[in-house]
Amino acid sequence: MRFVRCDYRVYSYREHQSTNAISKQTENIAVYNVDKEAELYAKDKLLELAMSKLSSMQREVIQRSYLDDEGEFDYISCGEMGLSDRTFRRIKGDSLGILAAVLNLYVFDEGALEATEVIS
């Protein structure tokens, strides 16, 4: 992950008002930078913990599909890993399910939602 800090170029000129209100733009930017960096660090640690729960094959599939900057297509990764397309997609789906469970995320299947609405 990459973090882009706010800098001084986001300042806006304000005319002084009669309320003697003090503009704290520098303070707000500094607080934002520190908070955002801490938040991203915590998310990175949580992702590392979740990735450690995967097998080596599952970890490689997720790494190639989502975390590498190369942006290669799945069929290229399948060929390089020596897997069929169907096996690659199955491993990818299982891996995402495990990550969602570890990270306490909810996975909604729109098809299942439509089926329950029809039954109700």
N, C-alpha and C. Protein backbone atom coordinates (compact mmCIF):
# COMPACT_ATOMS: atom_id res chain seq x y z
N MET A 1 0.84 -1.18 0.00
CA MET A 1 0.00 0.00 0.00
C MET A 1 0.88 1.24 0.00
N ARG A 2 0.34 2.29 -0.56
CA ARG A 2 1.09 3.53 -0.62
C ARG A 2 0.24 4.63 -0.04
N PHE A 3 0.85 5.51 0.71
CA PHE A 3 0.15 6.60 1.37
C PHE A 3 0.66 7.92 0.82
N VAL A 4 -0.25 8.76 0.39
CA VAL A 4 0.11 10.08 -0.12
C VAL A 4 -0.30 11.10 0.92
N ARG A 5 0.69 11.81 1.43
CA ARG A 5 0.43 12.80 2.47
C ARG A 5 -0.17 14.08 1.90
N CYS A 6 -0.99 14.73 2.70
CA CYS A 6 -1.45 16.07 2.37
C CYS A 6 -0.28 17.02 2.59
N ASP A 7 -0.25 18.09 1.86
CA ASP A 7 0.82 19.05 2.06
C ASP A 7 0.27 20.46 2.04
N TYR A 8 1.16 21.41 2.07
CA TYR A 8 0.78 22.81 2.22
C TYR A 8 0.02 23.37 1.03
N ARG A 9 0.04 22.72 -0.10
CA ARG A 9 -0.61 23.25 -1.29
C ARG A 9 -2.13 23.23 -1.20
N VAL A 10 -2.68 22.60 -0.16
CA VAL A 10 -4.13 22.56 -0.03
C VAL A 10 -4.66 23.75 0.78
N TYR A 11 -3.78 24.66 1.17
CA TYR A 11 -4.22 25.83 1.91
C TYR A 11 -5.14 26.68 1.04
N SER A 12 -6.11 27.26 1.68
CA SER A 12 -6.97 28.20 0.98
C SER A 12 -6.90 29.54 1.72
N TYR A 13 -6.95 30.58 0.96
CA TYR A 13 -6.86 31.91 1.54
C TYR A 13 -8.20 32.27 2.17
N ARG A 14 -8.15 32.77 3.39
CA ARG A 14 -9.36 33.23 4.07
C ARG A 14 -9.12 34.65 4.57
N GLU A 15 -10.11 35.43 4.42
CA GLU A 15 -10.00 36.78 4.98
C GLU A 15 -10.34 36.69 6.46
N HIS A 16 -9.70 37.53 7.25
CA HIS A 16 -9.97 37.53 8.68
C HIS A 16 -11.38 38.04 8.93
N GLN A 17 -12.00 37.40 9.87
CA GLN A 17 -13.37 37.78 10.19
C GLN A 17 -13.40 38.44 11.56
N SER A 18 -14.48 39.03 11.86
CA SER A 18 -14.58 39.78 13.10
C SER A 18 -14.69 38.87 14.33
N THR A 19 -14.83 37.59 14.14
CA THR A 19 -14.97 36.69 15.29
C THR A 19 -13.63 36.29 15.88
N ASN A 20 -12.55 36.69 15.26
CA ASN A 20 -11.20 36.33 15.69
C ASN A 20 -10.99 34.82 15.70
N ALA A 21 -11.68 34.11 14.83
CA ALA A 21 -11.51 32.66 14.71
C ALA A 21 -10.14 32.38 14.09
N ILE A 22 -9.47 31.40 14.61
CA ILE A 22 -8.13 31.05 14.14
C ILE A 22 -8.26 29.87 13.20
N SER A 23 -7.62 29.99 12.06
CA SER A 23 -7.61 28.88 11.10
C SER A 23 -6.51 27.91 11.50
N LYS A 24 -6.86 26.64 11.62
CA LYS A 24 -5.90 25.63 12.04
C LYS A 24 -5.64 24.66 10.89
N GLN A 25 -5.37 25.19 9.71
CA GLN A 25 -5.17 24.32 8.56
C GLN A 25 -3.94 23.44 8.73
N THR A 26 -2.85 23.98 9.21
CA THR A 26 -1.63 23.19 9.39
C THR A 26 -1.86 22.08 10.40
N GLU A 27 -2.52 22.40 11.49
CA GLU A 27 -2.82 21.40 12.51
C GLU A 27 -3.72 20.31 11.95
N ASN A 28 -4.75 20.69 11.21
CA ASN A 28 -5.67 19.71 10.63
C ASN A 28 -4.95 18.78 9.65
N ILE A 29 -4.05 19.32 8.85
CA ILE A 29 -3.30 18.51 7.88
C ILE A 29 -2.37 17.55 8.61
N ALA A 30 -1.69 18.03 9.64
CA ALA A 30 -0.78 17.17 10.40
C ALA A 30 -1.54 16.04 11.09
N VAL A 31 -2.68 16.35 11.68
CA VAL A 31 -3.49 15.32 12.34
C VAL A 31 -3.99 14.31 11.32
N TYR A 32 -4.43 14.79 10.16
CA TYR A 32 -4.89 13.88 9.11
C TYR A 32 -3.79 12.94 8.68
N ASN A 33 -2.58 13.47 8.45
CA ASN A 33 -1.46 12.64 8.00
C ASN A 33 -1.12 11.57 9.03
N VAL A 34 -1.07 11.93 10.28
CA VAL A 34 -0.72 10.96 11.32
C VAL A 34 -1.82 9.91 11.47
N ASP A 35 -3.07 10.34 11.49
CA ASP A 35 -4.18 9.40 11.64
C ASP A 35 -4.29 8.45 10.46
N LYS A 36 -4.15 8.97 9.27
CA LYS A 36 -4.27 8.14 8.06
C LYS A 36 -3.13 7.12 7.99
N GLU A 37 -1.93 7.56 8.34
CA GLU A 37 -0.79 6.65 8.32
C GLU A 37 -0.96 5.53 9.35
N ALA A 38 -1.46 5.85 10.53
CA ALA A 38 -1.71 4.84 11.56
C ALA A 38 -2.81 3.88 11.12
N GLU A 39 -3.84 4.40 10.48
CA GLU A 39 -4.94 3.56 9.99
C GLU A 39 -4.44 2.58 8.92
N LEU A 40 -3.65 3.06 7.99
CA LEU A 40 -3.12 2.19 6.94
C LEU A 40 -2.14 1.16 7.50
N TYR A 41 -1.37 1.53 8.50
CA TYR A 41 -0.45 0.59 9.14
C TYR A 41 -1.24 -0.54 9.82
N ALA A 42 -2.32 -0.19 10.51
CA ALA A 42 -3.16 -1.20 11.17
C ALA A 42 -3.81 -2.12 10.14
N LYS A 43 -4.28 -1.56 9.03
CA LYS A 43 -4.88 -2.39 7.98
C LYS A 43 -3.85 -3.32 7.35
N ASP A 44 -2.62 -2.84 7.19
CA ASP A 44 -1.55 -3.66 6.64
C ASP A 44 -1.24 -4.83 7.55
N LYS A 45 -1.18 -4.59 8.86
CA LYS A 45 -0.93 -5.66 9.81
C LYS A 45 -2.08 -6.68 9.80
N LEU A 46 -3.31 -6.19 9.71
CA LEU A 46 -4.47 -7.09 9.66
C LEU A 46 -4.45 -7.94 8.39
N LEU A 47 -4.05 -7.35 7.28
CA LEU A 47 -3.95 -8.09 6.02
C LEU A 47 -2.86 -9.15 6.12
N GLU A 48 -1.72 -8.81 6.73
CA GLU A 48 -0.66 -9.80 6.91
C GLU A 48 -1.14 -10.97 7.76
N LEU A 49 -1.90 -10.67 8.81
CA LEU A 49 -2.44 -11.72 9.66
C LEU A 49 -3.41 -12.61 8.88
N ALA A 50 -4.28 -11.99 8.10
CA ALA A 50 -5.25 -12.75 7.30
C ALA A 50 -4.54 -13.59 6.24
N MET A 51 -3.52 -13.04 5.60
CA MET A 51 -2.80 -13.79 4.57
C MET A 51 -2.04 -14.97 5.16
N SER A 52 -1.66 -14.88 6.43
CA SER A 52 -0.94 -15.98 7.06
C SER A 52 -1.85 -17.19 7.28
N LYS A 53 -3.15 -17.00 7.24
CA LYS A 53 -4.10 -18.09 7.41
C LYS A 53 -4.30 -18.90 6.13
N LEU A 54 -3.79 -18.41 5.01
CA LEU A 54 -3.95 -19.08 3.73
C LEU A 54 -2.81 -20.06 3.48
N SER A 55 -3.08 -21.06 2.64
CA SER A 55 -2.01 -21.96 2.22
C SER A 55 -1.10 -21.22 1.24
N SER A 56 0.04 -21.80 0.94
CA SER A 56 0.99 -21.13 0.05
C SER A 56 0.40 -20.92 -1.35
N MET A 57 -0.37 -21.90 -1.84
CA MET A 57 -0.99 -21.77 -3.16
C MET A 57 -2.05 -20.67 -3.15
N GLN A 58 -2.87 -20.64 -2.11
CA GLN A 58 -3.89 -19.60 -2.00
C GLN A 58 -3.26 -18.22 -1.88
N ARG A 59 -2.19 -18.12 -1.10
CA ARG A 59 -1.50 -16.85 -0.92
C ARG A 59 -0.93 -16.35 -2.25
N GLU A 60 -0.37 -17.26 -3.04
CA GLU A 60 0.21 -16.86 -4.32
C GLU A 60 -0.87 -16.40 -5.29
N VAL A 61 -2.03 -17.08 -5.29
CA VAL A 61 -3.13 -16.68 -6.16
C VAL A 61 -3.62 -15.28 -5.80
N ILE A 62 -3.82 -15.01 -4.52
CA ILE A 62 -4.27 -13.68 -4.08
C ILE A 62 -3.21 -12.63 -4.39
N GLN A 63 -1.96 -12.96 -4.15
CA GLN A 63 -0.86 -12.03 -4.43
C GLN A 63 -0.84 -11.65 -5.91
N ARG A 64 -0.93 -12.65 -6.78
CA ARG A 64 -0.89 -12.39 -8.22
C ARG A 64 -2.13 -11.64 -8.69
N SER A 65 -3.28 -11.97 -8.13
CA SER A 65 -4.54 -11.38 -8.62
C SER A 65 -4.76 -9.96 -8.14
N TYR A 66 -4.42 -9.68 -6.88
CA TYR A 66 -4.82 -8.40 -6.31
C TYR A 66 -3.68 -7.53 -5.78
N LEU A 67 -2.60 -8.10 -5.33
CA LEU A 67 -1.59 -7.31 -4.62
C LEU A 67 -0.40 -6.91 -5.45
N ASP A 68 -0.12 -7.61 -6.54
CA ASP A 68 1.00 -7.23 -7.40
C ASP A 68 0.63 -6.04 -8.26
N ASP A 69 1.61 -5.20 -8.55
CA ASP A 69 1.38 -4.01 -9.36
C ASP A 69 1.36 -4.29 -10.86
N GLU A 70 1.70 -5.50 -11.24
CA GLU A 70 1.81 -5.81 -12.67
C GLU A 70 0.46 -5.79 -13.37
N GLY A 71 -0.61 -6.18 -12.69
CA GLY A 71 -1.94 -6.14 -13.27
C GLY A 71 -2.14 -7.15 -14.39
N GLU A 72 -1.52 -8.32 -14.26
CA GLU A 72 -1.66 -9.31 -15.31
C GLU A 72 -3.00 -10.04 -15.18
N PHE A 73 -3.45 -10.57 -16.28
CA PHE A 73 -4.73 -11.26 -16.32
C PHE A 73 -4.62 -12.64 -15.66
N ASP A 74 -5.77 -13.17 -15.25
CA ASP A 74 -5.78 -14.45 -14.56
C ASP A 74 -5.26 -15.58 -15.44
N TYR A 75 -5.56 -15.54 -16.73
CA TYR A 75 -5.14 -16.64 -17.59
C TYR A 75 -3.60 -16.69 -17.70
N ILE A 76 -2.95 -15.55 -17.57
CA ILE A 76 -1.48 -15.54 -17.58
C ILE A 76 -0.95 -16.17 -16.29
N SER A 77 -1.57 -15.81 -15.16
CA SER A 77 -1.16 -16.39 -13.89
C SER A 77 -1.41 -17.89 -13.87
N CYS A 78 -2.50 -18.33 -14.48
CA CYS A 78 -2.80 -19.78 -14.56
C CYS A 78 -1.67 -20.51 -15.27
N GLY A 79 -1.26 -19.97 -16.40
CA GLY A 79 -0.20 -20.61 -17.17
C GLY A 79 1.12 -20.64 -16.42
N GLU A 80 1.46 -19.55 -15.75
CA GLU A 80 2.71 -19.49 -15.02
C GLU A 80 2.72 -20.42 -13.82
N MET A 81 1.55 -20.61 -13.21
CA MET A 81 1.46 -21.48 -12.04
C MET A 81 1.20 -22.93 -12.40
N GLY A 82 0.87 -23.19 -13.65
CA GLY A 82 0.59 -24.55 -14.09
C GLY A 82 -0.75 -25.07 -13.62
N LEU A 83 -1.74 -24.19 -13.54
CA LEU A 83 -3.08 -24.56 -13.10
C LEU A 83 -4.07 -24.36 -14.23
N SER A 84 -5.16 -25.11 -14.19
CA SER A 84 -6.23 -24.86 -15.14
C SER A 84 -6.99 -23.62 -14.68
N ASP A 85 -7.74 -23.04 -15.60
CA ASP A 85 -8.50 -21.83 -15.28
C ASP A 85 -9.53 -22.11 -14.18
N ARG A 86 -10.18 -23.24 -14.28
CA ARG A 86 -11.20 -23.59 -13.30
C ARG A 86 -10.60 -23.77 -11.90
N THR A 87 -9.46 -24.44 -11.81
CA THR A 87 -8.78 -24.64 -10.53
C THR A 87 -8.33 -23.30 -9.95
N PHE A 88 -7.80 -22.43 -10.80
CA PHE A 88 -7.35 -21.11 -10.36
C PHE A 88 -8.52 -20.32 -9.77
N ARG A 89 -9.66 -20.32 -10.48
CA ARG A 89 -10.84 -19.59 -9.99
C ARG A 89 -11.38 -20.19 -8.69
N ARG A 90 -11.34 -21.52 -8.57
CA ARG A 90 -11.80 -22.17 -7.34
C ARG A 90 -10.92 -21.78 -6.16
N ILE A 91 -9.61 -21.84 -6.36
CA ILE A 91 -8.67 -21.45 -5.29
C ILE A 91 -8.86 -19.98 -4.92
N LYS A 92 -9.05 -19.16 -5.93
CA LYS A 92 -9.24 -17.72 -5.70
C LYS A 92 -10.51 -17.46 -4.89
N GLY A 93 -11.60 -18.12 -5.24
CA GLY A 93 -12.86 -17.96 -4.52
C GLY A 93 -12.76 -18.45 -3.08
N ASP A 94 -12.14 -19.62 -2.88
CA ASP A 94 -11.95 -20.15 -1.53
C ASP A 94 -11.09 -19.20 -0.69
N SER A 95 -10.05 -18.66 -1.31
CA SER A 95 -9.15 -17.75 -0.61
C SER A 95 -9.87 -16.47 -0.19
N LEU A 96 -10.68 -15.94 -1.07
CA LEU A 96 -11.43 -14.72 -0.74
C LEU A 96 -12.43 -14.99 0.38
N GLY A 97 -13.02 -16.18 0.39
CA GLY A 97 -13.93 -16.54 1.47
C GLY A 97 -13.21 -16.61 2.81
N ILE A 98 -12.02 -17.19 2.82
CA ILE A 98 -11.24 -17.28 4.05
C ILE A 98 -10.83 -15.88 4.52
N LEU A 99 -10.38 -15.04 3.59
CA LEU A 99 -9.99 -13.67 3.96
C LEU A 99 -11.18 -12.89 4.50
N ALA A 100 -12.34 -13.06 3.89
CA ALA A 100 -13.53 -12.35 4.37
C ALA A 100 -13.90 -12.80 5.78
N ALA A 101 -13.77 -14.10 6.05
CA ALA A 101 -14.08 -14.60 7.38
C ALA A 101 -13.08 -14.09 8.42
N VAL A 102 -11.80 -14.09 8.07
CA VAL A 102 -10.78 -13.63 9.01
C VAL A 102 -10.92 -12.14 9.28
N LEU A 103 -11.26 -11.37 8.26
CA LEU A 103 -11.37 -9.91 8.40
C LEU A 103 -12.74 -9.46 8.85
N ASN A 104 -13.64 -10.41 9.15
CA ASN A 104 -15.01 -10.12 9.58
C ASN A 104 -15.78 -9.28 8.56
N LEU A 105 -15.63 -9.62 7.30
CA LEU A 105 -16.35 -8.94 6.24
C LEU A 105 -17.55 -9.79 5.84
N TYR A 106 -18.57 -9.15 5.36
CA TYR A 106 -19.75 -9.87 4.91
C TYR A 106 -19.68 -10.01 3.40
N VAL A 107 -20.00 -11.19 2.92
CA VAL A 107 -20.01 -11.46 1.50
C VAL A 107 -21.46 -11.68 1.10
N PHE A 108 -21.97 -10.84 0.22
CA PHE A 108 -23.34 -10.96 -0.24
C PHE A 108 -23.36 -11.54 -1.64
N ASP A 109 -24.23 -12.49 -1.83
CA ASP A 109 -24.43 -13.09 -3.14
C ASP A 109 -25.76 -12.57 -3.65
N GLU A 110 -25.72 -11.73 -4.68
CA GLU A 110 -26.94 -11.12 -5.18
C GLU A 110 -27.95 -12.15 -5.66
N GLY A 111 -27.47 -13.23 -6.23
CA GLY A 111 -28.36 -14.29 -6.68
C GLY A 111 -29.11 -14.92 -5.51
N ALA A 112 -28.44 -15.09 -4.38
CA ALA A 112 -29.09 -15.66 -3.21
C ALA A 112 -30.11 -14.69 -2.63
N LEU A 113 -29.80 -13.39 -2.68
CA LEU A 113 -30.75 -12.41 -2.18
C LEU A 113 -32.02 -12.40 -3.02
N GLU A 114 -31.88 -12.48 -4.34
CA GLU A 114 -33.05 -12.48 -5.21
C GLU A 114 -33.88 -13.74 -4.99
N ALA A 115 -33.21 -14.86 -4.74
CA ALA A 115 -33.94 -16.11 -4.51
C ALA A 115 -34.74 -16.04 -3.22
N THR A 116 -34.20 -15.43 -2.16
CA THR A 116 -34.93 -15.34 -0.90
C THR A 116 -36.10 -14.36 -1.04
N GLU A 117 -35.95 -13.34 -1.85
CA GLU A 117 -37.05 -12.40 -2.05
C GLU A 117 -38.21 -13.07 -2.77
N VAL A 118 -37.90 -13.95 -3.71
CA VAL A 118 -38.95 -14.63 -4.45
C VAL A 118 -39.67 -15.61 -3.55
N ILE A 119 -38.95 -16.29 -2.67
CA ILE A 119 -39.54 -17.28 -1.77
C ILE A 119 -40.43 -16.61 -0.74
N SER A 120 -40.06 -15.45 -0.24
CA SER A 120 -40.80 -14.79 0.84
C SER A 120 -42.19 -14.43 0.48
